Amino acid sequence: MKVCVVGATGLVGTKMLQVLAERNFPVTELIPVASEKSIGKEIVFKGTSYKIVSYQDAIAAKPAIALFSAGGATSMALAPLFAEAGIRVIDNSSAWRMHPDKKLVVPEVNGEVLSANDFIIANPNCSTIQLVMVLKPLHEKYKIKRVVVSTYQSVTGTGVKAVNQLQNERNKIEGEKFILMKLI
């Protein structure tokens, strides 16, 4: 199966590729898409090098599915172009989650709501996916009426720049502690 990953060089995109490889997803051809500055660079997937291509080249390659993890603005702009070309989009951003014409799906929970006409499919954020996977069987057995949840989202959800910033701040604090300890 031809699979496109939009945002292939980002923090979540690289994790998507890792999971596809770990799960031995039947990828016959990978089509990695990233920002314009990354076009032509190479990534390795399951021991094979793939050149990053533009979204136009990805659409022309006609993948069966396009996994999107490039942010909401990119998804809003590009997902409809892929969908119009008959490519099924599974979007990991928040762009389509509350859209009245798009379905919010966790396959193990409500995958049956999808039809052949759904070309842009939203998925909830990571904490929601995990939560509903646990709640579904509990609800089926006990009919849950209310759930109160607090989450403390990881900085990784904001991307590699934020992770680097956090690491730099942590290194600065650690460095200052080291200097202070030497002074004492």
N, C-alpha and C. Protein backbone atom coordinates (compact mmCIF):
# COMPACT_ATOMS: atom_id res chain seq x y z
N MET A 1 0.85 -1.18 0.00
CA MET A 1 0.00 0.00 0.00
C MET A 1 0.89 1.24 0.00
N LYS A 2 0.61 2.18 -0.89
CA LYS A 2 1.32 3.45 -0.90
C LYS A 2 0.82 4.30 0.26
N VAL A 3 1.76 4.77 1.08
CA VAL A 3 1.41 5.58 2.24
C VAL A 3 2.22 6.87 2.22
N CYS A 4 1.53 7.97 2.40
CA CYS A 4 2.16 9.28 2.48
C CYS A 4 2.13 9.72 3.95
N VAL A 5 3.22 10.30 4.41
CA VAL A 5 3.25 10.91 5.74
C VAL A 5 3.59 12.38 5.55
N VAL A 6 2.61 13.24 5.83
CA VAL A 6 2.80 14.68 5.72
C VAL A 6 3.26 15.17 7.09
N GLY A 7 4.46 15.75 7.10
CA GLY A 7 5.09 16.12 8.37
C GLY A 7 6.08 15.05 8.78
N ALA A 8 6.65 14.36 7.81
CA ALA A 8 7.49 13.18 8.05
C ALA A 8 8.75 13.48 8.85
N THR A 9 9.24 14.71 8.83
CA THR A 9 10.47 15.02 9.57
C THR A 9 10.20 15.62 10.95
N GLY A 10 8.94 15.85 11.26
CA GLY A 10 8.60 16.43 12.55
C GLY A 10 8.63 15.39 13.66
N LEU A 11 8.44 15.86 14.87
CA LEU A 11 8.48 14.99 16.04
C LEU A 11 7.43 13.88 15.96
N VAL A 12 6.20 14.22 15.65
CA VAL A 12 5.14 13.21 15.58
C VAL A 12 5.25 12.41 14.28
N GLY A 13 5.61 13.05 13.19
CA GLY A 13 5.76 12.34 11.92
C GLY A 13 6.82 11.24 12.01
N THR A 14 7.93 11.53 12.65
CA THR A 14 8.97 10.50 12.80
C THR A 14 8.48 9.37 13.70
N LYS A 15 7.67 9.71 14.68
CA LYS A 15 7.09 8.66 15.54
C LYS A 15 6.08 7.82 14.76
N MET A 16 5.31 8.46 13.89
CA MET A 16 4.38 7.71 13.04
C MET A 16 5.14 6.69 12.19
N LEU A 17 6.23 7.13 11.60
CA LEU A 17 7.04 6.24 10.77
C LEU A 17 7.59 5.08 11.60
N GLN A 18 8.02 5.39 12.81
CA GLN A 18 8.53 4.35 13.70
C GLN A 18 7.45 3.31 14.01
N VAL A 19 6.24 3.77 14.30
CA VAL A 19 5.15 2.85 14.62
C VAL A 19 4.74 2.05 13.39
N LEU A 20 4.70 2.68 12.23
CA LEU A 20 4.39 1.93 11.00
C LEU A 20 5.39 0.79 10.81
N ALA A 21 6.67 1.07 11.07
CA ALA A 21 7.71 0.05 10.93
C ALA A 21 7.55 -1.03 12.00
N GLU A 22 7.37 -0.61 13.24
CA GLU A 22 7.24 -1.57 14.35
C GLU A 22 6.04 -2.50 14.16
N ARG A 23 4.94 -1.95 13.66
CA ARG A 23 3.72 -2.74 13.46
C ARG A 23 3.73 -3.49 12.14
N ASN A 24 4.80 -3.32 11.39
CA ASN A 24 4.93 -3.96 10.07
C ASN A 24 3.72 -3.66 9.19
N PHE A 25 3.30 -2.39 9.22
CA PHE A 25 2.18 -1.95 8.38
C PHE A 25 2.56 -2.20 6.92
N PRO A 26 1.63 -2.66 6.10
CA PRO A 26 1.98 -3.07 4.74
C PRO A 26 2.26 -1.89 3.79
N VAL A 27 3.34 -1.18 4.06
CA VAL A 27 3.76 -0.05 3.22
C VAL A 27 4.58 -0.61 2.07
N THR A 28 4.07 -0.47 0.86
CA THR A 28 4.83 -0.90 -0.31
C THR A 28 5.67 0.25 -0.86
N GLU A 29 5.17 1.46 -0.63
CA GLU A 29 5.91 2.66 -1.05
C GLU A 29 5.60 3.76 -0.06
N LEU A 30 6.65 4.38 0.46
CA LEU A 30 6.49 5.49 1.38
C LEU A 30 6.70 6.79 0.62
N ILE A 31 5.82 7.74 0.88
CA ILE A 31 5.92 9.06 0.25
C ILE A 31 6.01 10.09 1.38
N PRO A 32 7.23 10.46 1.77
CA PRO A 32 7.37 11.43 2.86
C PRO A 32 7.26 12.87 2.34
N VAL A 33 6.48 13.66 3.06
CA VAL A 33 6.29 15.08 2.72
C VAL A 33 6.68 15.89 3.94
N ALA A 34 7.37 16.98 3.72
CA ALA A 34 7.74 17.89 4.81
C ALA A 34 7.77 19.31 4.24
N SER A 35 8.27 20.22 5.03
CA SER A 35 8.30 21.61 4.61
C SER A 35 9.17 21.78 3.37
N GLU A 36 8.98 22.90 2.71
CA GLU A 36 9.70 23.17 1.46
C GLU A 36 11.22 23.07 1.64
N LYS A 37 11.71 23.48 2.80
CA LYS A 37 13.17 23.45 3.03
C LYS A 37 13.70 22.02 3.16
N SER A 38 12.83 21.05 3.39
CA SER A 38 13.26 19.65 3.54
C SER A 38 13.16 18.85 2.25
N ILE A 39 12.53 19.41 1.23
CA ILE A 39 12.36 18.68 -0.03
C ILE A 39 13.73 18.29 -0.59
N GLY A 40 13.85 17.01 -0.96
CA GLY A 40 15.11 16.50 -1.49
C GLY A 40 15.98 15.82 -0.44
N LYS A 41 15.78 16.14 0.83
CA LYS A 41 16.52 15.46 1.88
C LYS A 41 16.00 14.04 1.97
N GLU A 42 16.76 13.18 2.63
CA GLU A 42 16.36 11.79 2.71
C GLU A 42 16.05 11.37 4.14
N ILE A 43 15.10 10.45 4.26
CA ILE A 43 14.83 9.79 5.53
C ILE A 43 14.95 8.29 5.28
N VAL A 44 15.15 7.53 6.33
CA VAL A 44 15.25 6.09 6.20
C VAL A 44 14.05 5.47 6.90
N PHE A 45 13.40 4.56 6.17
CA PHE A 45 12.25 3.83 6.71
C PHE A 45 12.46 2.35 6.41
N LYS A 46 12.55 1.55 7.44
CA LYS A 46 12.75 0.10 7.32
C LYS A 46 13.94 -0.22 6.42
N GLY A 47 15.03 0.52 6.63
CA GLY A 47 16.26 0.24 5.91
C GLY A 47 16.35 0.80 4.50
N THR A 48 15.32 1.48 4.05
CA THR A 48 15.32 2.05 2.70
C THR A 48 15.28 3.57 2.80
N SER A 49 16.06 4.24 1.96
CA SER A 49 16.07 5.70 1.93
C SER A 49 14.97 6.21 1.01
N TYR A 50 14.30 7.26 1.46
CA TYR A 50 13.25 7.90 0.68
C TYR A 50 13.51 9.39 0.66
N LYS A 51 13.36 10.00 -0.52
CA LYS A 51 13.50 11.45 -0.63
C LYS A 51 12.21 12.12 -0.23
N ILE A 52 12.35 13.20 0.50
CA ILE A 52 11.19 14.01 0.87
C ILE A 52 10.73 14.75 -0.37
N VAL A 53 9.42 14.72 -0.60
CA VAL A 53 8.85 15.34 -1.79
C VAL A 53 7.87 16.44 -1.40
N SER A 54 7.48 17.22 -2.38
CA SER A 54 6.48 18.26 -2.17
C SER A 54 5.11 17.62 -2.04
N TYR A 55 4.17 18.38 -1.52
CA TYR A 55 2.81 17.83 -1.42
C TYR A 55 2.22 17.59 -2.82
N GLN A 56 2.61 18.41 -3.79
CA GLN A 56 2.10 18.22 -5.15
C GLN A 56 2.58 16.88 -5.71
N ASP A 57 3.87 16.56 -5.49
CA ASP A 57 4.40 15.28 -5.96
C ASP A 57 3.74 14.12 -5.23
N ALA A 58 3.45 14.32 -3.95
CA ALA A 58 2.79 13.26 -3.17
C ALA A 58 1.39 12.99 -3.72
N ILE A 59 0.66 14.05 -4.01
CA ILE A 59 -0.69 13.87 -4.57
C ILE A 59 -0.60 13.16 -5.92
N ALA A 60 0.37 13.55 -6.74
CA ALA A 60 0.53 12.94 -8.06
C ALA A 60 0.89 11.45 -7.95
N ALA A 61 1.54 11.05 -6.85
CA ALA A 61 1.92 9.65 -6.64
C ALA A 61 0.73 8.78 -6.25
N LYS A 62 -0.40 9.40 -5.91
CA LYS A 62 -1.65 8.70 -5.59
C LYS A 62 -1.52 7.65 -4.48
N PRO A 63 -1.08 8.05 -3.29
CA PRO A 63 -1.06 7.07 -2.19
C PRO A 63 -2.48 6.69 -1.81
N ALA A 64 -2.62 5.54 -1.17
CA ALA A 64 -3.93 5.11 -0.69
C ALA A 64 -4.36 5.95 0.51
N ILE A 65 -3.39 6.22 1.39
CA ILE A 65 -3.69 7.05 2.56
C ILE A 65 -2.58 8.06 2.78
N ALA A 66 -2.95 9.16 3.40
CA ALA A 66 -1.98 10.19 3.80
C ALA A 66 -2.19 10.45 5.28
N LEU A 67 -1.17 10.17 6.05
CA LEU A 67 -1.19 10.46 7.47
C LEU A 67 -0.67 11.87 7.66
N PHE A 68 -1.46 12.72 8.28
CA PHE A 68 -1.09 14.12 8.45
C PHE A 68 -0.69 14.40 9.89
N SER A 69 0.49 14.97 10.04
CA SER A 69 0.93 15.45 11.34
C SER A 69 1.85 16.64 11.12
N ALA A 70 1.30 17.67 10.54
CA ALA A 70 2.10 18.85 10.20
C ALA A 70 1.47 20.13 10.74
N GLY A 71 0.55 20.00 11.67
CA GLY A 71 -0.10 21.18 12.25
C GLY A 71 -1.42 21.50 11.58
N GLY A 72 -2.25 22.24 12.30
CA GLY A 72 -3.59 22.55 11.85
C GLY A 72 -3.66 23.37 10.57
N ALA A 73 -2.82 24.38 10.46
CA ALA A 73 -2.86 25.23 9.27
C ALA A 73 -2.51 24.44 8.02
N THR A 74 -1.49 23.61 8.12
CA THR A 74 -1.09 22.77 6.98
C THR A 74 -2.20 21.80 6.63
N SER A 75 -2.81 21.22 7.64
CA SER A 75 -3.89 20.28 7.39
C SER A 75 -5.09 20.95 6.73
N MET A 76 -5.44 22.12 7.21
CA MET A 76 -6.58 22.84 6.61
C MET A 76 -6.31 23.16 5.15
N ALA A 77 -5.06 23.50 4.84
CA ALA A 77 -4.72 23.88 3.47
C ALA A 77 -4.56 22.67 2.55
N LEU A 78 -3.93 21.59 3.05
CA LEU A 78 -3.55 20.50 2.16
C LEU A 78 -4.48 19.29 2.18
N ALA A 79 -5.08 18.99 3.32
CA ALA A 79 -5.93 17.79 3.39
C ALA A 79 -7.03 17.80 2.32
N PRO A 80 -7.71 18.93 2.09
CA PRO A 80 -8.73 18.92 1.03
C PRO A 80 -8.16 18.62 -0.36
N LEU A 81 -6.92 19.03 -0.62
CA LEU A 81 -6.31 18.75 -1.92
C LEU A 81 -6.07 17.25 -2.09
N PHE A 82 -5.59 16.60 -1.03
CA PHE A 82 -5.40 15.16 -1.07
C PHE A 82 -6.75 14.45 -1.22
N ALA A 83 -7.74 14.89 -0.44
CA ALA A 83 -9.06 14.27 -0.47
C ALA A 83 -9.70 14.40 -1.85
N GLU A 84 -9.57 15.58 -2.47
CA GLU A 84 -10.13 15.78 -3.81
C GLU A 84 -9.50 14.86 -4.84
N ALA A 85 -8.25 14.43 -4.58
CA ALA A 85 -7.56 13.52 -5.48
C ALA A 85 -7.89 12.06 -5.17
N GLY A 86 -8.81 11.84 -4.22
CA GLY A 86 -9.22 10.48 -3.88
C GLY A 86 -8.32 9.78 -2.88
N ILE A 87 -7.52 10.57 -2.17
CA ILE A 87 -6.59 10.02 -1.18
C ILE A 87 -7.22 10.17 0.21
N ARG A 88 -7.31 9.09 0.93
CA ARG A 88 -7.89 9.14 2.27
C ARG A 88 -6.89 9.75 3.23
N VAL A 89 -7.32 10.81 3.92
CA VAL A 89 -6.47 11.55 4.87
C VAL A 89 -6.87 11.18 6.29
N ILE A 90 -5.88 10.84 7.09
CA ILE A 90 -6.08 10.64 8.52
C ILE A 90 -5.28 11.73 9.20
N ASP A 91 -6.00 12.66 9.81
CA ASP A 91 -5.37 13.87 10.33
C ASP A 91 -5.17 13.81 11.84
N ASN A 92 -3.95 14.09 12.25
CA ASN A 92 -3.58 14.05 13.66
C ASN A 92 -3.59 15.43 14.31
N SER A 93 -3.86 16.47 13.55
CA SER A 93 -3.91 17.81 14.14
C SER A 93 -5.30 18.07 14.71
N SER A 94 -5.47 19.25 15.26
CA SER A 94 -6.78 19.62 15.80
C SER A 94 -7.69 20.25 14.73
N ALA A 95 -7.19 20.39 13.52
CA ALA A 95 -7.90 21.13 12.47
C ALA A 95 -9.31 20.65 12.20
N TRP A 96 -9.51 19.36 12.14
CA TRP A 96 -10.80 18.82 11.70
C TRP A 96 -11.61 18.20 12.84
N ARG A 97 -11.10 18.26 14.05
CA ARG A 97 -11.74 17.56 15.17
C ARG A 97 -13.16 18.02 15.47
N MET A 98 -13.44 19.26 15.30
CA MET A 98 -14.78 19.77 15.61
C MET A 98 -15.54 20.18 14.35
N HIS A 99 -15.03 19.81 13.21
CA HIS A 99 -15.67 20.17 11.95
C HIS A 99 -16.96 19.37 11.79
N PRO A 100 -18.08 20.02 11.51
CA PRO A 100 -19.35 19.31 11.47
C PRO A 100 -19.46 18.25 10.37
N ASP A 101 -18.65 18.37 9.31
CA ASP A 101 -18.73 17.42 8.21
C ASP A 101 -17.66 16.32 8.26
N LYS A 102 -16.83 16.35 9.29
CA LYS A 102 -15.75 15.35 9.40
C LYS A 102 -15.96 14.50 10.64
N LYS A 103 -15.63 13.24 10.52
CA LYS A 103 -15.83 12.32 11.64
C LYS A 103 -14.57 12.25 12.49
N LEU A 104 -14.79 12.24 13.79
CA LEU A 104 -13.72 12.10 14.78
C LEU A 104 -13.70 10.63 15.19
N VAL A 105 -12.62 9.93 14.85
CA VAL A 105 -12.64 8.47 14.93
C VAL A 105 -11.45 7.91 15.69
N VAL A 106 -11.75 6.98 16.57
CA VAL A 106 -10.77 6.05 17.13
C VAL A 106 -11.26 4.69 16.64
N PRO A 107 -10.54 4.05 15.72
CA PRO A 107 -11.07 2.86 15.05
C PRO A 107 -11.62 1.79 15.98
N GLU A 108 -10.94 1.55 17.09
CA GLU A 108 -11.38 0.50 18.00
C GLU A 108 -12.63 0.88 18.78
N VAL A 109 -12.98 2.16 18.73
CA VAL A 109 -14.13 2.65 19.50
C VAL A 109 -15.33 2.94 18.60
N ASN A 110 -15.11 3.65 17.51
CA ASN A 110 -16.24 4.02 16.65
C ASN A 110 -15.91 3.96 15.16
N GLY A 111 -15.02 3.07 14.79
CA GLY A 111 -14.63 2.93 13.39
C GLY A 111 -15.78 2.62 12.45
N GLU A 112 -16.84 2.06 12.99
CA GLU A 112 -17.99 1.69 12.16
C GLU A 112 -18.72 2.90 11.59
N VAL A 113 -18.45 4.11 12.10
CA VAL A 113 -19.14 5.31 11.59
C VAL A 113 -18.59 5.75 10.24
N LEU A 114 -17.42 5.23 9.87
CA LEU A 114 -16.80 5.63 8.61
C LEU A 114 -17.52 5.00 7.42
N SER A 115 -17.54 5.77 6.33
CA SER A 115 -18.11 5.27 5.09
C SER A 115 -17.09 5.45 3.97
N ALA A 116 -17.39 4.91 2.84
CA ALA A 116 -16.50 5.04 1.68
C ALA A 116 -16.36 6.49 1.24
N ASN A 117 -17.26 7.35 1.66
CA ASN A 117 -17.23 8.76 1.27
C ASN A 117 -16.40 9.64 2.21
N ASP A 118 -15.84 9.09 3.25
CA ASP A 118 -15.05 9.86 4.21
C ASP A 118 -13.60 9.91 3.75
N PHE A 119 -13.18 11.08 3.30
CA PHE A 119 -11.81 11.21 2.82
C PHE A 119 -10.92 12.04 3.74
N ILE A 120 -11.51 12.75 4.69
CA ILE A 120 -10.72 13.41 5.72
C ILE A 120 -11.27 12.90 7.05
N ILE A 121 -10.42 12.21 7.77
CA ILE A 121 -10.81 11.60 9.04
C ILE A 121 -9.97 12.22 10.13
N ALA A 122 -10.63 12.74 11.14
CA ALA A 122 -9.94 13.35 12.28
C ALA A 122 -9.74 12.30 13.37
N ASN A 123 -8.67 12.46 14.13
CA ASN A 123 -8.55 11.64 15.32
C ASN A 123 -8.31 12.55 16.53
N PRO A 124 -8.78 12.11 17.69
CA PRO A 124 -8.60 12.94 18.89
C PRO A 124 -7.13 13.00 19.30
N ASN A 125 -6.85 13.82 20.31
CA ASN A 125 -5.46 13.88 20.77
C ASN A 125 -5.10 12.59 21.52
N CYS A 126 -3.82 12.47 21.83
CA CYS A 126 -3.31 11.21 22.37
C CYS A 126 -3.95 10.82 23.70
N SER A 127 -4.16 11.76 24.58
CA SER A 127 -4.74 11.39 25.87
C SER A 127 -6.20 10.96 25.71
N THR A 128 -6.92 11.58 24.81
CA THR A 128 -8.32 11.20 24.57
C THR A 128 -8.41 9.81 23.97
N ILE A 129 -7.55 9.51 23.02
CA ILE A 129 -7.56 8.18 22.40
C ILE A 129 -7.37 7.10 23.46
N GLN A 130 -6.38 7.29 24.30
CA GLN A 130 -6.12 6.29 25.34
C GLN A 130 -7.29 6.17 26.30
N LEU A 131 -7.87 7.30 26.64
CA LEU A 131 -8.99 7.30 27.58
C LEU A 131 -10.20 6.57 27.02
N VAL A 132 -10.59 6.89 25.78
CA VAL A 132 -11.80 6.26 25.23
C VAL A 132 -11.60 4.77 24.97
N MET A 133 -10.37 4.37 24.72
CA MET A 133 -10.09 2.93 24.55
C MET A 133 -10.41 2.18 25.84
N VAL A 134 -10.14 2.80 26.97
CA VAL A 134 -10.44 2.17 28.27
C VAL A 134 -11.91 2.34 28.63
N LEU A 135 -12.45 3.52 28.33
CA LEU A 135 -13.83 3.79 28.72
C LEU A 135 -14.86 2.99 27.93
N LYS A 136 -14.59 2.70 26.68
CA LYS A 136 -15.59 2.02 25.85
C LYS A 136 -16.06 0.70 26.47
N PRO A 137 -15.15 -0.23 26.81
CA PRO A 137 -15.65 -1.48 27.40
C PRO A 137 -16.29 -1.27 28.77
N LEU A 138 -15.79 -0.30 29.52
CA LEU A 138 -16.41 -0.01 30.81
C LEU A 138 -17.82 0.53 30.62
N HIS A 139 -17.98 1.41 29.64
CA HIS A 139 -19.29 1.97 29.37
C HIS A 139 -20.26 0.88 28.88
N GLU A 140 -19.77 0.01 28.01
CA GLU A 140 -20.63 -1.06 27.51
C GLU A 140 -21.14 -1.94 28.65
N LYS A 141 -20.30 -2.15 29.66
CA LYS A 141 -20.70 -3.03 30.76
C LYS A 141 -21.47 -2.30 31.85
N TYR A 142 -21.05 -1.04 32.18
CA TYR A 142 -21.62 -0.36 33.35
C TYR A 142 -22.39 0.91 33.03
N LYS A 143 -22.43 1.35 31.80
CA LYS A 143 -23.15 2.56 31.39
C LYS A 143 -22.66 3.79 32.17
N ILE A 144 -21.46 4.21 31.88
CA ILE A 144 -20.87 5.38 32.52
C ILE A 144 -21.73 6.60 32.23
N LYS A 145 -21.98 7.39 33.24
CA LYS A 145 -22.78 8.60 33.08
C LYS A 145 -21.91 9.85 33.05
N ARG A 146 -20.77 9.81 33.70
CA ARG A 146 -19.94 11.01 33.79
C ARG A 146 -18.49 10.61 34.07
N VAL A 147 -17.57 11.33 33.45
CA VAL A 147 -16.15 11.13 33.69
C VAL A 147 -15.52 12.50 33.85
N VAL A 148 -14.70 12.65 34.86
CA VAL A 148 -13.95 13.89 35.07
C VAL A 148 -12.48 13.53 34.89
N VAL A 149 -11.82 14.23 33.98
CA VAL A 149 -10.44 13.91 33.65
C VAL A 149 -9.60 15.18 33.66
N SER A 150 -8.42 15.09 34.21
CA SER A 150 -7.44 16.17 34.12
C SER A 150 -6.21 15.61 33.43
N THR A 151 -5.71 16.34 32.44
CA THR A 151 -4.49 15.89 31.78
C THR A 151 -3.46 17.00 31.85
N TYR A 152 -2.25 16.61 31.84
CA TYR A 152 -1.13 17.55 31.85
C TYR A 152 -0.30 17.19 30.63
N GLN A 153 -0.56 17.92 29.57
CA GLN A 153 -0.01 17.56 28.28
C GLN A 153 1.50 17.76 28.23
N SER A 154 2.13 16.89 27.50
CA SER A 154 3.57 16.93 27.33
C SER A 154 3.97 18.06 26.38
N VAL A 155 5.13 18.59 26.60
CA VAL A 155 5.66 19.64 25.72
C VAL A 155 5.87 19.09 24.31
N THR A 156 6.01 17.78 24.17
CA THR A 156 6.23 17.21 22.85
C THR A 156 5.08 17.48 21.90
N GLY A 157 3.90 17.73 22.45
CA GLY A 157 2.74 18.03 21.61
C GLY A 157 2.88 19.33 20.84
N THR A 158 3.79 20.18 21.24
CA THR A 158 3.98 21.44 20.54
C THR A 158 5.12 21.40 19.53
N GLY A 159 5.81 20.27 19.44
CA GLY A 159 6.80 20.10 18.39
C GLY A 159 8.23 20.17 18.86
N VAL A 160 9.12 19.96 17.90
CA VAL A 160 10.54 19.84 18.19
C VAL A 160 11.15 21.14 18.71
N LYS A 161 10.67 22.29 18.25
CA LYS A 161 11.21 23.57 18.74
C LYS A 161 10.96 23.72 20.23
N ALA A 162 9.77 23.36 20.67
CA ALA A 162 9.45 23.47 22.09
C ALA A 162 10.25 22.47 22.91
N VAL A 163 10.46 21.27 22.39
CA VAL A 163 11.26 20.28 23.10
C VAL A 163 12.69 20.78 23.24
N ASN A 164 13.24 21.34 22.16
CA ASN A 164 14.60 21.90 22.22
C ASN A 164 14.68 23.06 23.21
N GLN A 165 13.66 23.91 23.21
CA GLN A 165 13.64 25.03 24.16
C GLN A 165 13.63 24.52 25.59
N LEU A 166 12.79 23.53 25.87
CA LEU A 166 12.73 22.96 27.21
C LEU A 166 14.08 22.37 27.61
N GLN A 167 14.71 21.65 26.69
CA GLN A 167 16.01 21.05 26.99
C GLN A 167 17.05 22.13 27.25
N ASN A 168 17.03 23.20 26.46
CA ASN A 168 17.97 24.30 26.68
C ASN A 168 17.75 24.96 28.03
N GLU A 169 16.48 25.15 28.39
CA GLU A 169 16.18 25.75 29.69
C GLU A 169 16.62 24.83 30.82
N ARG A 170 16.39 23.54 30.64
CA ARG A 170 16.81 22.58 31.65
C ARG A 170 18.33 22.58 31.79
N ASN A 171 19.04 22.60 30.67
CA ASN A 171 20.50 22.63 30.71
C ASN A 171 21.01 23.88 31.41
N LYS A 172 20.33 25.01 31.17
CA LYS A 172 20.74 26.26 31.81
C LYS A 172 20.54 26.16 33.32
N ILE A 173 19.41 25.62 33.74
CA ILE A 173 19.15 25.46 35.18
C ILE A 173 20.16 24.51 35.79
N GLU A 174 20.42 23.39 35.12
CA GLU A 174 21.40 22.43 35.63
C GLU A 174 22.78 23.08 35.72
N GLY A 175 23.13 23.88 34.72
CA GLY A 175 24.42 24.58 34.73
C GLY A 175 24.51 25.58 35.87
N GLU A 176 23.41 26.30 36.11
CA GLU A 176 23.39 27.27 37.21
C GLU A 176 23.48 26.56 38.56
N LYS A 177 22.82 25.41 38.70
CA LYS A 177 22.91 24.64 39.94
C LYS A 177 24.35 24.19 40.16
N PHE A 178 25.00 23.73 39.08
CA PHE A 178 26.37 23.26 39.18
C PHE A 178 27.29 24.38 39.63
N ILE A 179 27.12 25.58 39.03
CA ILE A 179 27.94 26.72 39.40
C ILE A 179 27.69 27.10 40.85
N LEU A 180 26.42 27.13 41.25
CA LEU A 180 26.07 27.48 42.62
C LEU A 180 26.65 26.47 43.61
N MET A 181 26.61 25.19 43.27
CA MET A 181 27.16 24.17 44.16
C MET A 181 28.68 24.32 44.30
N LYS A 182 29.34 24.72 43.21
CA LYS A 182 30.79 24.92 43.27
C LYS A 182 31.11 26.12 44.17
N LEU A 183 30.24 27.15 44.15
CA LEU A 183 30.47 28.33 44.97
C LEU A 183 30.26 28.04 46.45
N ILE A 184 29.34 27.15 46.75
CA ILE A 184 29.04 26.81 48.15
C ILE A 184 30.11 25.90 48.64
